[in-house]
Amino acid sequence: MPIAKAMQLIKGGSSKWVHDTFPDQRAFAWQTKYGAFSVSVSQVDKIVDYIGNQEPHHHTMTFQEEFVALLKKHRIEFDERYLWE
């Protein structure tokens, strides 16, 4: 499945769930942009641990700092002016 289709399904389904489950969150909406990175099967346990520890991790590094670090680590060209609109 193309990443764009997966994101469409994830965003659409989760937005519906939020709006159905939390009627007071009518203003909830996903941002337009997203980033996606593939993960080797050999790294799945590390990724599961990372997700489980995201909250304390983001007390030391913001999401924005980490995302830019990932882009740089993987030599992905970007213009930071357009990352956060």
C-alpha atoms as a PDB file:
ATOM      1  CA  MET A   1       0.000   0.000   0.000  1.00  0.00           C
ATOM      2  CA  PRO A   2       1.419   3.424  -0.855  1.00  0.00           C
ATOM      3  CA  ILE A   3       2.325   5.541   2.175  1.00  0.00           C
ATOM      4  CA  ALA A   4      -0.021   8.323   1.017  1.00  0.00           C
ATOM      5  CA  LYS A   5      -2.980   5.887   0.998  1.00  0.00           C
ATOM      6  CA  ALA A   6      -2.040   4.501   4.418  1.00  0.00           C
ATOM      7  CA  MET A   7      -1.870   8.032   5.828  1.00  0.00           C
ATOM      8  CA  GLN A   8      -5.233   8.905   4.268  1.00  0.00           C
ATOM      9  CA  LEU A   9      -6.821   5.883   5.966  1.00  0.00           C
ATOM     10  CA  ILE A  10      -5.093   6.477   9.313  1.00  0.00           C
ATOM     11  CA  LYS A  11      -5.924  10.190   9.393  1.00  0.00           C
ATOM     12  CA  GLY A  12      -9.507   9.675   8.247  1.00  0.00           C
ATOM     13  CA  GLY A  13     -10.231   6.809  10.623  1.00  0.00           C
ATOM     14  CA  SER A  14      -8.606   8.415  13.629  1.00  0.00           C
ATOM     15  CA  SER A  15     -10.289  11.788  12.985  1.00  0.00           C
ATOM     16  CA  LYS A  16     -13.675  10.074  12.847  1.00  0.00           C
ATOM     17  CA  TRP A  17     -12.884   8.210  16.078  1.00  0.00           C
ATOM     18  CA  VAL A  18     -11.832  11.419  17.867  1.00  0.00           C
ATOM     19  CA  HIS A  19     -14.943  13.284  16.706  1.00  0.00           C
ATOM     20  CA  ASP A  20     -17.278  10.371  17.567  1.00  0.00           C
ATOM     21  CA  THR A  21     -15.638   9.652  20.939  1.00  0.00           C
ATOM     22  CA  PHE A  22     -14.941  13.201  22.095  1.00  0.00           C
ATOM     23  CA  PRO A  23     -17.711  15.476  20.785  1.00  0.00           C
ATOM     24  CA  ASP A  24     -16.101  18.468  22.499  1.00  0.00           C
ATOM     25  CA  GLN A  25     -13.037  18.044  20.236  1.00  0.00           C
ATOM     26  CA  ARG A  26     -14.752  19.249  17.062  1.00  0.00           C
ATOM     27  CA  ALA A  27     -11.740  21.442  16.262  1.00  0.00           C
ATOM     28  CA  PHE A  28      -9.432  18.398  16.087  1.00  0.00           C
ATOM     29  CA  ALA A  29      -7.737  18.045  12.715  1.00  0.00           C
ATOM     30  CA  TRP A  30      -4.551  16.479  11.433  1.00  0.00           C
ATOM     31  CA  GLN A  31      -1.895  18.730   9.978  1.00  0.00           C
ATOM     32  CA  THR A  32      -1.517  18.535   6.197  1.00  0.00           C
ATOM     33  CA  LYS A  33       2.064  17.280   6.104  1.00  0.00           C
ATOM     34  CA  TYR A  34       3.632  14.121   7.509  1.00  0.00           C
ATOM     35  CA  GLY A  35       6.879  12.208   7.438  1.00  0.00           C
ATOM     36  CA  ALA A  36       7.267   8.477   7.067  1.00  0.00           C
ATOM     37  CA  PHE A  37      10.271   6.242   7.665  1.00  0.00           C
ATOM     38  CA  SER A  38      10.479   2.530   7.011  1.00  0.00           C
ATOM     39  CA  VAL A  39      11.675   0.200   9.750  1.00  0.00           C
ATOM     40  CA  SER A  40      13.575  -3.026   9.303  1.00  0.00           C
ATOM     41  CA  VAL A  41      11.977  -6.059  10.938  1.00  0.00           C
ATOM     42  CA  SER A  42      15.172  -6.468  12.957  1.00  0.00           C
ATOM     43  CA  GLN A  43      14.493  -3.058  14.556  1.00  0.00           C
ATOM     44  CA  VAL A  44      10.837  -3.567  15.501  1.00  0.00           C
ATOM     45  CA  ASP A  45      11.550  -4.238  19.197  1.00  0.00           C
ATOM     46  CA  LYS A  46      13.613  -1.032  19.402  1.00  0.00           C
ATOM     47  CA  ILE A  47      10.816   0.942  17.767  1.00  0.00           C
ATOM     48  CA  VAL A  48       8.191  -0.507  20.123  1.00  0.00           C
ATOM     49  CA  ASP A  49      10.387   0.504  23.081  1.00  0.00           C
ATOM     50  CA  TYR A  50      10.871   3.962  21.582  1.00  0.00           C
ATOM     51  CA  ILE A  51       7.115   4.458  21.191  1.00  0.00           C
ATOM     52  CA  GLY A  52       6.541   3.305  24.765  1.00  0.00           C
ATOM     53  CA  ASN A  53       9.065   5.855  26.028  1.00  0.00           C
ATOM     54  CA  GLN A  54       8.106   8.773  23.792  1.00  0.00           C
ATOM     55  CA  GLU A  55       6.682  10.971  26.530  1.00  0.00           C
ATOM     56  CA  PRO A  56       9.802  11.028  28.750  1.00  0.00           C
ATOM     57  CA  HIS A  57      12.020  11.145  25.648  1.00  0.00           C
ATOM     58  CA  HIS A  58      10.322  14.332  24.454  1.00  0.00           C
ATOM     59  CA  HIS A  59      11.127  16.012  27.766  1.00  0.00           C
ATOM     60  CA  THR A  60      14.762  16.046  26.595  1.00  0.00           C
ATOM     61  CA  MET A  61      14.266  16.577  22.847  1.00  0.00           C
ATOM     62  CA  THR A  62      11.273  18.111  21.112  1.00  0.00           C
ATOM     63  CA  PHE A  63       9.494  16.343  18.289  1.00  0.00           C
ATOM     64  CA  GLN A  64      10.735  19.046  15.916  1.00  0.00           C
ATOM     65  CA  GLU A  65      14.365  18.585  17.010  1.00  0.00           C
ATOM     66  CA  GLU A  66      14.109  14.828  16.653  1.00  0.00           C
ATOM     67  CA  PHE A  67      12.448  14.998  13.231  1.00  0.00           C
ATOM     68  CA  VAL A  68      15.144  17.318  11.872  1.00  0.00           C
ATOM     69  CA  ALA A  69      17.824  15.019  13.348  1.00  0.00           C
ATOM     70  CA  LEU A  70      16.244  12.031  11.549  1.00  0.00           C
ATOM     71  CA  LEU A  71      16.171  13.912   8.257  1.00  0.00           C
ATOM     72  CA  LYS A  72      19.833  14.847   8.652  1.00  0.00           C
ATOM     73  CA  LYS A  73      20.873  11.353   9.770  1.00  0.00           C
ATOM     74  CA  HIS A  74      19.305   9.849   6.646  1.00  0.00           C
ATOM     75  CA  ARG A  75      20.652  12.633   4.395  1.00  0.00           C
ATOM     76  CA  ILE A  76      17.186  13.740   3.344  1.00  0.00           C
ATOM     77  CA  GLU A  77      17.246  17.205   1.822  1.00  0.00           C
ATOM     78  CA  PHE A  78      14.723  19.632   3.301  1.00  0.00           C
ATOM     79  CA  ASP A  79      14.002  23.292   3.733  1.00  0.00           C
ATOM     80  CA  GLU A  80      13.072  23.930   7.366  1.00  0.00           C
ATOM     81  CA  ARG A  81      10.877  26.870   6.304  1.00  0.00           C
ATOM     82  CA  TYR A  82       8.344  24.342   5.007  1.00  0.00           C
ATOM     83  CA  LEU A  83       8.468  21.677   7.711  1.00  0.00           C
ATOM     84  CA  TRP A  84       6.081  23.176  10.222  1.00  0.00           C
ATOM     85  CA  GLU A  85       3.380  25.055   8.290  1.00  0.00           C
END
